[in-house]
């Protein structure tokens, strides 16, 4: 059984929850952590700049949190089990879990699911229903985190998609130093 205070404590100590291959939730940590830069190192392809300039997508925070959880879980292999979705919903109701969404009209185009504690945003997962939906969400989320004064955007594990935006790996010691400073900051994800 996982309780909100214990989950928040785990995240503030550098751990994160994932389901194993049998679907059991476990705490994980990593010797190396992927972080998304919140400064000039953040980048995105020129082709995405054209999409952004077309204003095809609007953005919202927590407009349809459950749909973003379900979208993130909707893949062949997933660590986001129904039990983890229930925990995300409880964290959302407690003000910690958030969805940053892109919309095309009334259709959810994509989104990013994460946990905000102090000045750290911990990205749990992302998805898209419409091409470029999650990429636009990433750009707009980074802009928003900067505007609100966040200090750390933890994307947990590096992959080629995140690397294209400038995500980089830091060792566990450096990550924990950044995390300790960020969790006591006071920005709000509005």
N, C-alpha and C. Protein backbone atom coordinates (compact mmCIF):
# COMPACT_ATOMS: atom_id res chain seq x y z
N UNK A 1 0.84 -1.18 0.00
CA UNK A 1 0.00 0.00 0.00
C UNK A 1 0.89 1.25 0.00
N UNK A 2 0.56 2.20 -0.84
CA UNK A 2 1.32 3.44 -0.95
C UNK A 2 0.43 4.59 -0.48
N UNK A 3 1.01 5.47 0.33
CA UNK A 3 0.30 6.63 0.85
C UNK A 3 0.95 7.90 0.30
N UNK A 4 0.13 8.92 0.10
CA UNK A 4 0.59 10.17 -0.51
C UNK A 4 1.86 10.72 0.17
N UNK A 5 1.89 10.87 1.50
CA UNK A 5 3.12 11.42 2.11
C UNK A 5 4.35 10.57 1.82
N UNK A 6 4.18 9.25 1.82
CA UNK A 6 5.32 8.36 1.53
C UNK A 6 5.77 8.50 0.08
N UNK A 7 4.81 8.65 -0.83
CA UNK A 7 5.16 8.82 -2.24
C UNK A 7 5.92 10.12 -2.44
N UNK A 8 5.44 11.19 -1.85
CA UNK A 8 6.12 12.49 -1.98
C UNK A 8 7.52 12.40 -1.39
N UNK A 9 7.66 11.77 -0.24
CA UNK A 9 8.98 11.59 0.36
C UNK A 9 9.89 10.82 -0.56
N UNK A 10 9.39 9.75 -1.16
CA UNK A 10 10.20 8.97 -2.09
C UNK A 10 10.69 9.79 -3.26
N UNK A 11 9.80 10.58 -3.85
CA UNK A 11 10.19 11.41 -4.98
C UNK A 11 11.20 12.49 -4.56
N UNK A 12 11.04 13.05 -3.37
CA UNK A 12 11.98 14.08 -2.93
C UNK A 12 13.35 13.49 -2.59
N UNK A 13 13.44 12.18 -2.47
CA UNK A 13 14.71 11.51 -2.21
C UNK A 13 15.30 10.90 -3.48
N UNK A 14 14.69 11.18 -4.63
CA UNK A 14 15.25 10.71 -5.89
C UNK A 14 14.72 9.38 -6.40
N UNK A 15 13.66 8.87 -5.81
CA UNK A 15 13.07 7.61 -6.26
C UNK A 15 11.84 7.90 -7.11
N UNK A 16 11.42 6.92 -7.88
CA UNK A 16 10.17 7.02 -8.63
C UNK A 16 9.52 5.66 -8.70
N UNK A 17 8.21 5.66 -8.87
CA UNK A 17 7.43 4.43 -8.92
C UNK A 17 7.27 3.94 -10.36
N UNK A 18 7.40 2.64 -10.53
CA UNK A 18 7.11 1.99 -11.81
C UNK A 18 6.62 0.58 -11.52
N UNK A 19 5.83 0.08 -12.44
CA UNK A 19 5.41 -1.32 -12.33
C UNK A 19 6.46 -2.20 -12.99
N UNK A 20 6.73 -3.35 -12.36
CA UNK A 20 7.66 -4.30 -12.96
C UNK A 20 6.92 -5.12 -14.01
N UNK A 21 7.57 -6.12 -14.57
CA UNK A 21 6.96 -6.91 -15.65
C UNK A 21 5.72 -7.66 -15.22
N UNK A 22 5.60 -7.94 -13.93
CA UNK A 22 4.39 -8.63 -13.41
C UNK A 22 3.31 -7.64 -13.01
N UNK A 23 3.60 -6.34 -13.11
CA UNK A 23 2.62 -5.33 -12.76
C UNK A 23 2.69 -4.85 -11.33
N UNK A 24 3.68 -5.32 -10.56
CA UNK A 24 3.84 -4.89 -9.18
C UNK A 24 4.56 -3.55 -9.13
N UNK A 25 4.03 -2.63 -8.33
CA UNK A 25 4.67 -1.32 -8.19
C UNK A 25 5.88 -1.42 -7.29
N UNK A 26 6.96 -0.82 -7.75
CA UNK A 26 8.21 -0.82 -7.00
C UNK A 26 8.84 0.56 -7.07
N UNK A 27 9.67 0.87 -6.08
CA UNK A 27 10.47 2.08 -6.11
C UNK A 27 11.73 1.84 -6.92
N UNK A 28 12.10 2.81 -7.73
CA UNK A 28 13.32 2.72 -8.53
C UNK A 28 14.13 3.99 -8.34
N UNK A 29 15.41 3.85 -8.54
CA UNK A 29 16.32 4.98 -8.58
C UNK A 29 17.34 4.67 -9.67
N UNK A 30 18.15 5.62 -9.99
CA UNK A 30 19.10 5.41 -11.07
C UNK A 30 20.43 6.07 -10.72
N UNK A 31 21.52 5.44 -11.12
CA UNK A 31 22.83 6.06 -10.91
C UNK A 31 23.01 7.27 -11.81
N UNK A 32 22.28 7.26 -12.91
CA UNK A 32 22.31 8.39 -13.85
C UNK A 32 20.88 8.81 -14.12
N UNK A 33 20.66 10.09 -14.16
CA UNK A 33 19.31 10.61 -14.34
C UNK A 33 19.28 11.54 -15.54
N UNK A 34 18.21 11.49 -16.31
CA UNK A 34 18.04 12.40 -17.44
C UNK A 34 17.26 13.62 -16.98
N UNK A 35 17.75 14.79 -17.33
CA UNK A 35 17.06 16.03 -17.01
C UNK A 35 16.91 16.85 -18.29
N UNK A 36 15.82 17.59 -18.34
CA UNK A 36 15.56 18.49 -19.47
C UNK A 36 16.04 19.88 -19.05
N UNK A 37 16.85 20.52 -19.88
CA UNK A 37 17.31 21.85 -19.51
C UNK A 37 16.18 22.86 -19.52
N UNK A 38 16.26 23.78 -18.59
CA UNK A 38 15.29 24.87 -18.51
C UNK A 38 15.98 26.19 -18.86
N UNK A 39 17.02 26.10 -19.67
CA UNK A 39 17.77 27.28 -20.08
C UNK A 39 18.02 27.21 -21.59
N UNK A 40 19.02 27.91 -22.06
CA UNK A 40 19.29 27.99 -23.50
C UNK A 40 19.70 26.65 -24.11
N UNK A 41 19.99 25.65 -23.29
CA UNK A 41 20.32 24.33 -23.83
C UNK A 41 19.09 23.58 -24.35
N UNK A 42 17.90 24.01 -23.91
CA UNK A 42 16.68 23.41 -24.44
C UNK A 42 16.56 23.79 -25.90
N UNK A 43 16.25 22.82 -26.74
CA UNK A 43 16.15 23.08 -28.18
C UNK A 43 15.08 22.17 -28.79
N UNK A 44 14.68 22.56 -29.99
CA UNK A 44 13.75 21.71 -30.72
C UNK A 44 13.93 21.94 -32.21
N UNK A 45 13.50 20.98 -33.03
CA UNK A 45 13.74 21.06 -34.47
C UNK A 45 13.03 22.25 -35.12
N UNK A 46 13.62 22.75 -36.19
CA UNK A 46 13.02 23.87 -36.94
C UNK A 46 11.64 23.50 -37.46
N UNK A 47 11.46 22.25 -37.83
CA UNK A 47 10.14 21.82 -38.33
C UNK A 47 9.08 22.00 -37.26
N UNK A 48 9.45 21.81 -36.00
CA UNK A 48 8.50 22.01 -34.91
C UNK A 48 8.21 23.49 -34.71
N UNK A 49 9.19 24.33 -34.97
CA UNK A 49 8.98 25.78 -34.88
C UNK A 49 7.88 26.21 -35.85
N UNK A 50 7.87 25.61 -37.04
CA UNK A 50 6.81 25.93 -38.02
C UNK A 50 5.44 25.52 -37.48
N UNK A 51 5.38 24.34 -36.86
CA UNK A 51 4.11 23.87 -36.27
C UNK A 51 3.65 24.83 -35.19
N UNK A 52 4.58 25.25 -34.32
CA UNK A 52 4.24 26.19 -33.26
C UNK A 52 3.72 27.51 -33.83
N UNK A 53 4.35 27.98 -34.90
CA UNK A 53 3.94 29.24 -35.52
C UNK A 53 2.56 29.16 -36.17
N UNK A 54 2.13 27.95 -36.53
CA UNK A 54 0.81 27.77 -37.14
C UNK A 54 -0.32 27.82 -36.12
N UNK A 55 0.01 27.76 -34.84
CA UNK A 55 -1.00 27.80 -33.77
C UNK A 55 -2.11 26.77 -33.96
N UNK A 56 -1.72 25.57 -34.38
CA UNK A 56 -2.71 24.50 -34.57
C UNK A 56 -3.19 23.92 -33.25
N UNK A 57 -2.41 24.10 -32.19
CA UNK A 57 -2.73 23.49 -30.91
C UNK A 57 -2.92 24.56 -29.84
N UNK A 58 -3.84 24.30 -28.94
CA UNK A 58 -3.93 25.10 -27.72
C UNK A 58 -3.38 24.23 -26.59
N UNK A 59 -3.04 24.85 -25.47
CA UNK A 59 -2.51 24.09 -24.34
C UNK A 59 -3.39 24.31 -23.12
N UNK A 60 -3.33 23.35 -22.23
CA UNK A 60 -4.09 23.43 -20.98
C UNK A 60 -3.36 22.62 -19.92
N UNK A 61 -3.60 22.96 -18.69
CA UNK A 61 -3.08 22.19 -17.56
C UNK A 61 -4.27 21.55 -16.86
N UNK A 62 -4.22 20.23 -16.72
CA UNK A 62 -5.22 19.46 -15.96
C UNK A 62 -6.63 19.55 -16.51
N UNK A 63 -6.78 19.85 -17.79
CA UNK A 63 -8.13 19.89 -18.37
C UNK A 63 -8.76 18.51 -18.38
N UNK A 64 -7.96 17.47 -18.71
CA UNK A 64 -8.46 16.10 -18.68
C UNK A 64 -7.33 15.19 -18.19
N UNK A 65 -7.05 15.29 -16.91
CA UNK A 65 -5.95 14.56 -16.30
C UNK A 65 -6.06 13.05 -16.53
N UNK A 66 -7.24 12.49 -16.31
CA UNK A 66 -7.41 11.05 -16.47
C UNK A 66 -7.13 10.62 -17.91
N UNK A 67 -7.57 11.38 -18.89
CA UNK A 67 -7.32 11.01 -20.29
C UNK A 67 -5.83 11.00 -20.60
N UNK A 68 -5.08 11.91 -19.98
CA UNK A 68 -3.63 11.92 -20.20
C UNK A 68 -3.01 10.68 -19.55
N UNK A 69 -3.44 10.32 -18.35
CA UNK A 69 -2.94 9.09 -17.73
C UNK A 69 -3.22 7.89 -18.62
N UNK A 70 -4.44 7.81 -19.13
CA UNK A 70 -4.81 6.68 -19.97
C UNK A 70 -4.04 6.70 -21.29
N UNK A 71 -3.83 7.88 -21.86
CA UNK A 71 -3.05 7.98 -23.09
C UNK A 71 -1.62 7.53 -22.88
N UNK A 72 -1.04 7.91 -21.75
CA UNK A 72 0.34 7.49 -21.45
C UNK A 72 0.43 5.98 -21.23
N UNK A 73 -0.61 5.37 -20.70
CA UNK A 73 -0.61 3.93 -20.44
C UNK A 73 -0.96 3.10 -21.67
N UNK A 74 -1.51 3.73 -22.69
CA UNK A 74 -2.01 3.01 -23.86
C UNK A 74 -0.88 2.70 -24.84
N UNK A 75 -0.11 1.68 -24.52
CA UNK A 75 0.97 1.21 -25.40
C UNK A 75 1.19 -0.27 -25.13
N UNK A 76 1.87 -0.92 -26.05
CA UNK A 76 2.06 -2.37 -25.91
C UNK A 76 2.73 -2.76 -24.60
N UNK A 77 3.87 -2.14 -24.31
CA UNK A 77 4.57 -2.39 -23.04
C UNK A 77 4.49 -1.12 -22.23
N UNK A 78 3.92 -1.20 -21.04
CA UNK A 78 3.77 -0.01 -20.20
C UNK A 78 4.08 -0.34 -18.76
N UNK A 79 4.61 0.63 -18.06
CA UNK A 79 4.84 0.53 -16.63
C UNK A 79 3.71 1.22 -15.87
N UNK A 80 2.76 1.81 -16.62
CA UNK A 80 1.66 2.53 -15.99
C UNK A 80 0.46 1.59 -15.91
N UNK A 81 0.32 0.98 -14.75
CA UNK A 81 -0.75 0.01 -14.50
C UNK A 81 -1.99 0.73 -13.98
N UNK A 82 -3.13 0.05 -13.93
CA UNK A 82 -4.32 0.66 -13.32
C UNK A 82 -4.05 1.13 -11.89
N UNK A 83 -3.27 0.37 -11.11
CA UNK A 83 -2.94 0.78 -9.74
C UNK A 83 -2.14 2.08 -9.74
N UNK A 84 -1.20 2.22 -10.67
CA UNK A 84 -0.41 3.44 -10.74
C UNK A 84 -1.28 4.62 -11.18
N UNK A 85 -2.22 4.38 -12.09
CA UNK A 85 -3.15 5.45 -12.47
C UNK A 85 -3.96 5.91 -11.26
N UNK A 86 -4.40 4.96 -10.43
CA UNK A 86 -5.12 5.34 -9.20
C UNK A 86 -4.25 6.21 -8.29
N UNK A 87 -2.97 5.87 -8.18
CA UNK A 87 -2.07 6.68 -7.37
C UNK A 87 -1.87 8.06 -7.98
N UNK A 88 -1.74 8.13 -9.32
CA UNK A 88 -1.62 9.43 -9.98
C UNK A 88 -2.87 10.28 -9.71
N UNK A 89 -4.04 9.64 -9.77
CA UNK A 89 -5.28 10.39 -9.50
C UNK A 89 -5.31 10.91 -8.06
N UNK A 90 -4.85 10.10 -7.11
CA UNK A 90 -4.80 10.56 -5.72
C UNK A 90 -3.78 11.70 -5.57
N UNK A 91 -2.64 11.58 -6.26
CA UNK A 91 -1.64 12.65 -6.23
C UNK A 91 -2.18 13.91 -6.90
N UNK A 92 -2.97 13.73 -7.93
CA UNK A 92 -3.59 14.87 -8.61
C UNK A 92 -4.57 15.57 -7.68
N UNK A 93 -5.40 14.81 -7.00
CA UNK A 93 -6.36 15.39 -6.06
C UNK A 93 -5.66 16.10 -4.91
N UNK A 94 -4.46 15.62 -4.56
CA UNK A 94 -3.68 16.26 -3.49
C UNK A 94 -2.86 17.45 -4.00
N UNK A 95 -2.92 17.71 -5.31
CA UNK A 95 -2.24 18.87 -5.86
C UNK A 95 -0.81 18.63 -6.33
N UNK A 96 -0.39 17.37 -6.45
CA UNK A 96 0.99 17.07 -6.85
C UNK A 96 1.12 16.60 -8.29
N UNK A 97 0.20 15.79 -8.78
CA UNK A 97 0.30 15.26 -10.14
C UNK A 97 -0.48 16.17 -11.09
N UNK A 98 0.10 16.38 -12.27
CA UNK A 98 -0.49 17.30 -13.24
C UNK A 98 -0.34 16.75 -14.65
N UNK A 99 -1.23 17.22 -15.51
CA UNK A 99 -1.10 16.92 -16.93
C UNK A 99 -0.96 18.25 -17.67
N UNK A 100 -0.02 18.27 -18.57
CA UNK A 100 0.17 19.42 -19.45
C UNK A 100 -0.24 18.94 -20.83
N UNK A 101 -1.27 19.56 -21.40
CA UNK A 101 -1.97 18.99 -22.55
C UNK A 101 -1.94 19.91 -23.76
N UNK A 102 -1.99 19.29 -24.93
CA UNK A 102 -2.24 20.03 -26.16
C UNK A 102 -3.57 19.55 -26.72
N UNK A 103 -4.29 20.51 -27.28
CA UNK A 103 -5.61 20.24 -27.83
C UNK A 103 -5.69 20.79 -29.24
N UNK A 104 -6.42 20.08 -30.07
CA UNK A 104 -6.75 20.59 -31.39
C UNK A 104 -8.28 20.62 -31.43
N UNK A 105 -8.81 21.81 -31.23
CA UNK A 105 -10.25 21.94 -31.03
C UNK A 105 -10.63 21.24 -29.74
N UNK A 106 -11.58 20.30 -29.84
CA UNK A 106 -12.01 19.54 -28.67
C UNK A 106 -11.32 18.19 -28.55
N UNK A 107 -10.32 17.93 -29.39
CA UNK A 107 -9.63 16.65 -29.37
C UNK A 107 -8.29 16.77 -28.64
N UNK A 108 -8.08 15.89 -27.68
CA UNK A 108 -6.81 15.84 -26.97
C UNK A 108 -5.73 15.38 -27.94
N UNK A 109 -4.77 16.24 -28.23
CA UNK A 109 -3.73 15.94 -29.21
C UNK A 109 -2.54 15.22 -28.59
N UNK A 110 -2.25 15.52 -27.33
CA UNK A 110 -1.11 14.90 -26.65
C UNK A 110 -0.98 15.46 -25.26
N UNK A 111 -0.04 14.89 -24.52
CA UNK A 111 0.14 15.41 -23.18
C UNK A 111 1.32 14.81 -22.47
N UNK A 112 1.66 15.47 -21.38
CA UNK A 112 2.75 15.04 -20.51
C UNK A 112 2.19 14.91 -19.10
N UNK A 113 2.48 13.80 -18.47
CA UNK A 113 2.05 13.51 -17.12
C UNK A 113 3.25 13.69 -16.20
N UNK A 114 3.09 14.41 -15.09
CA UNK A 114 4.21 14.59 -14.19
C UNK A 114 3.78 14.96 -12.79
N UNK A 115 4.79 15.01 -11.93
CA UNK A 115 4.58 15.33 -10.53
C UNK A 115 5.39 16.58 -10.21
N UNK A 116 4.74 17.56 -9.61
CA UNK A 116 5.41 18.81 -9.22
C UNK A 116 5.52 18.87 -7.71
N UNK A 117 6.77 19.02 -7.25
CA UNK A 117 7.04 19.15 -5.82
C UNK A 117 8.00 20.32 -5.68
N UNK A 118 7.54 21.39 -5.05
CA UNK A 118 8.39 22.58 -4.96
C UNK A 118 8.75 23.05 -6.35
N UNK A 119 10.03 23.20 -6.63
CA UNK A 119 10.49 23.69 -7.93
C UNK A 119 11.00 22.61 -8.86
N UNK A 120 10.55 21.37 -8.65
CA UNK A 120 10.92 20.28 -9.55
C UNK A 120 9.66 19.73 -10.21
N UNK A 121 9.74 19.50 -11.52
CA UNK A 121 8.69 18.81 -12.24
C UNK A 121 9.28 17.49 -12.70
N UNK A 122 8.67 16.39 -12.27
CA UNK A 122 9.16 15.06 -12.59
C UNK A 122 8.25 14.49 -13.67
N UNK A 123 8.76 14.44 -14.88
CA UNK A 123 7.99 13.91 -16.00
C UNK A 123 7.88 12.40 -15.90
N UNK A 124 6.68 11.91 -15.84
CA UNK A 124 6.44 10.47 -15.74
C UNK A 124 6.30 9.82 -17.11
N UNK A 125 5.56 10.48 -18.01
CA UNK A 125 5.32 9.89 -19.32
C UNK A 125 4.71 10.95 -20.23
N UNK A 126 4.71 10.64 -21.53
CA UNK A 126 4.06 11.52 -22.50
C UNK A 126 3.47 10.66 -23.62
N UNK A 127 2.53 11.24 -24.36
CA UNK A 127 1.89 10.52 -25.45
C UNK A 127 1.34 11.53 -26.45
N UNK A 128 0.91 11.02 -27.59
CA UNK A 128 0.20 11.87 -28.54
C UNK A 128 -0.88 11.07 -29.24
N UNK A 129 -1.95 11.76 -29.61
CA UNK A 129 -3.01 11.22 -30.47
C UNK A 129 -2.90 11.82 -31.86
N UNK A 130 -2.37 13.02 -31.94
CA UNK A 130 -2.20 13.75 -33.19
C UNK A 130 -0.71 14.04 -33.33
N UNK A 131 -0.14 13.74 -34.51
CA UNK A 131 1.30 14.01 -34.68
C UNK A 131 1.67 15.42 -34.24
N UNK A 132 2.80 15.51 -33.59
CA UNK A 132 3.38 16.74 -33.02
C UNK A 132 2.71 17.17 -31.72
N UNK A 133 1.65 16.50 -31.29
CA UNK A 133 0.95 16.90 -30.07
C UNK A 133 1.81 16.85 -28.83
N UNK A 134 2.59 15.78 -28.65
CA UNK A 134 3.43 15.70 -27.46
C UNK A 134 4.64 16.61 -27.57
N UNK A 135 5.14 16.83 -28.78
CA UNK A 135 6.30 17.71 -28.96
C UNK A 135 5.93 19.16 -28.64
N UNK A 136 4.77 19.59 -29.09
CA UNK A 136 4.30 20.94 -28.76
C UNK A 136 4.09 21.04 -27.25
N UNK A 137 3.55 19.98 -26.64
CA UNK A 137 3.37 19.98 -25.19
C UNK A 137 4.71 20.16 -24.48
N UNK A 138 5.75 19.50 -24.98
CA UNK A 138 7.07 19.62 -24.36
C UNK A 138 7.58 21.06 -24.42
N UNK A 139 7.49 21.68 -25.58
CA UNK A 139 7.97 23.06 -25.72
C UNK A 139 7.19 23.99 -24.81
N UNK A 140 5.89 23.87 -24.83
CA UNK A 140 5.05 24.76 -24.01
C UNK A 140 5.22 24.48 -22.52
N UNK A 141 5.46 23.23 -22.14
CA UNK A 141 5.70 22.92 -20.74
C UNK A 141 7.00 23.55 -20.27
N UNK A 142 8.07 23.44 -21.05
CA UNK A 142 9.35 24.04 -20.66
C UNK A 142 9.20 25.56 -20.54
N UNK A 143 8.50 26.17 -21.49
CA UNK A 143 8.25 27.62 -21.39
C UNK A 143 7.50 27.96 -20.10
N UNK A 144 6.49 27.15 -19.78
CA UNK A 144 5.69 27.40 -18.59
C UNK A 144 6.51 27.20 -17.31
N UNK A 145 7.30 26.13 -17.26
CA UNK A 145 8.12 25.88 -16.08
C UNK A 145 9.10 27.03 -15.86
N UNK A 146 9.69 27.53 -16.94
CA UNK A 146 10.58 28.69 -16.82
C UNK A 146 9.84 29.90 -16.28
N UNK A 147 8.68 30.19 -16.85
CA UNK A 147 7.90 31.35 -16.43
C UNK A 147 7.52 31.28 -14.96
N UNK A 148 7.23 30.07 -14.47
CA UNK A 148 6.81 29.89 -13.08
C UNK A 148 7.98 29.75 -12.11
N UNK A 149 9.21 29.72 -12.62
CA UNK A 149 10.38 29.68 -11.74
C UNK A 149 10.82 28.29 -11.30
N UNK A 150 10.45 27.25 -12.03
CA UNK A 150 10.91 25.91 -11.69
C UNK A 150 12.41 25.81 -11.91
N UNK A 151 13.06 24.97 -11.12
CA UNK A 151 14.51 24.83 -11.17
C UNK A 151 14.98 23.54 -11.82
N UNK A 152 14.12 22.53 -11.87
CA UNK A 152 14.54 21.21 -12.34
C UNK A 152 13.38 20.53 -13.05
N UNK A 153 13.67 20.00 -14.23
CA UNK A 153 12.72 19.19 -14.99
C UNK A 153 13.36 17.82 -15.17
N UNK A 154 12.96 16.89 -14.32
CA UNK A 154 13.49 15.53 -14.31
C UNK A 154 12.68 14.70 -15.30
N UNK A 155 13.35 14.15 -16.31
CA UNK A 155 12.66 13.28 -17.28
C UNK A 155 13.04 11.82 -17.06
N UNK A 156 13.71 11.55 -15.96
CA UNK A 156 14.04 10.22 -15.46
C UNK A 156 15.00 9.43 -16.35
N UNK A 157 14.56 9.01 -17.53
CA UNK A 157 15.40 8.16 -18.37
C UNK A 157 15.58 8.78 -19.75
N UNK A 158 16.80 8.74 -20.23
CA UNK A 158 17.12 9.32 -21.53
C UNK A 158 16.62 8.42 -22.66
N UNK A 159 16.15 9.04 -23.71
CA UNK A 159 15.83 8.33 -24.94
C UNK A 159 16.11 9.29 -26.11
N UNK A 160 16.17 8.79 -27.33
CA UNK A 160 16.50 9.67 -28.46
C UNK A 160 15.53 10.83 -28.64
N UNK A 161 14.25 10.60 -28.35
CA UNK A 161 13.26 11.67 -28.48
C UNK A 161 13.57 12.82 -27.53
N UNK A 162 13.83 12.52 -26.27
CA UNK A 162 14.13 13.56 -25.29
C UNK A 162 15.48 14.22 -25.57
N UNK A 163 16.41 13.43 -26.06
CA UNK A 163 17.74 13.97 -26.38
C UNK A 163 17.65 15.04 -27.46
N UNK A 164 16.71 14.89 -28.39
CA UNK A 164 16.52 15.90 -29.44
C UNK A 164 16.14 17.27 -28.87
N UNK A 165 15.54 17.27 -27.68
CA UNK A 165 15.15 18.53 -27.02
C UNK A 165 16.24 19.06 -26.10
N UNK A 166 17.33 18.32 -26.00
CA UNK A 166 18.44 18.77 -25.17
C UNK A 166 18.57 18.04 -23.85
N UNK A 167 17.74 17.04 -23.58
CA UNK A 167 17.86 16.29 -22.34
C UNK A 167 19.26 15.70 -22.24
N UNK A 168 19.78 15.69 -21.04
CA UNK A 168 21.13 15.18 -20.83
C UNK A 168 21.18 14.38 -19.53
N UNK A 169 22.23 13.60 -19.39
CA UNK A 169 22.40 12.72 -18.24
C UNK A 169 23.29 13.39 -17.20
N UNK A 170 22.88 13.26 -15.93
CA UNK A 170 23.75 13.67 -14.83
C UNK A 170 23.87 12.50 -13.86
N UNK A 171 24.94 12.50 -13.09
CA UNK A 171 25.11 11.40 -12.14
C UNK A 171 24.18 11.61 -10.95
N UNK A 172 24.04 10.56 -10.17
CA UNK A 172 23.10 10.56 -9.05
C UNK A 172 23.44 11.64 -8.02
N UNK A 173 24.71 11.84 -7.75
CA UNK A 173 25.11 12.85 -6.77
C UNK A 173 24.71 14.25 -7.22
N UNK A 174 24.97 14.58 -8.49
CA UNK A 174 24.59 15.90 -9.02
C UNK A 174 23.08 16.05 -9.04
N UNK A 175 22.39 14.99 -9.42
CA UNK A 175 20.93 15.03 -9.44
C UNK A 175 20.38 15.32 -8.04
N UNK A 176 20.87 14.61 -7.04
CA UNK A 176 20.36 14.79 -5.68
C UNK A 176 20.65 16.19 -5.15
N UNK A 177 21.78 16.78 -5.52
CA UNK A 177 22.07 18.16 -5.12
C UNK A 177 21.04 19.12 -5.73
N UNK A 178 20.78 18.96 -7.03
CA UNK A 178 19.76 19.79 -7.69
C UNK A 178 18.38 19.57 -7.07
N UNK A 179 18.06 18.32 -6.82
CA UNK A 179 16.75 17.97 -6.28
C UNK A 179 16.54 18.61 -4.90
N UNK A 180 17.54 18.52 -4.03
CA UNK A 180 17.41 19.10 -2.68
C UNK A 180 17.11 20.60 -2.74
N UNK A 181 17.75 21.31 -3.67
CA UNK A 181 17.50 22.75 -3.81
C UNK A 181 16.12 23.01 -4.41
N UNK A 182 15.75 22.20 -5.40
CA UNK A 182 14.51 22.45 -6.13
C UNK A 182 13.26 22.16 -5.30
N UNK A 183 13.27 21.11 -4.47
CA UNK A 183 12.04 20.76 -3.75
C UNK A 183 11.65 21.79 -2.69
N UNK A 184 12.58 22.64 -2.26
CA UNK A 184 12.22 23.64 -1.26
C UNK A 184 11.84 24.98 -1.91
N UNK A 185 11.93 25.06 -3.24
CA UNK A 185 11.49 26.28 -3.94
C UNK A 185 9.98 26.38 -3.92
N UNK A 186 9.44 27.54 -4.26
CA UNK A 186 8.02 27.80 -4.10
C UNK A 186 7.22 28.11 -5.37
N UNK A 187 7.67 27.74 -6.56
CA UNK A 187 6.83 28.06 -7.72
C UNK A 187 5.55 27.23 -7.73
N UNK A 188 4.59 27.66 -8.53
CA UNK A 188 3.33 26.94 -8.66
C UNK A 188 3.09 26.60 -10.12
N UNK A 189 2.57 25.43 -10.37
CA UNK A 189 2.21 25.04 -11.73
C UNK A 189 0.77 25.48 -11.93
N UNK A 190 0.58 26.70 -12.46
CA UNK A 190 -0.77 27.27 -12.60
C UNK A 190 -1.34 26.97 -13.95
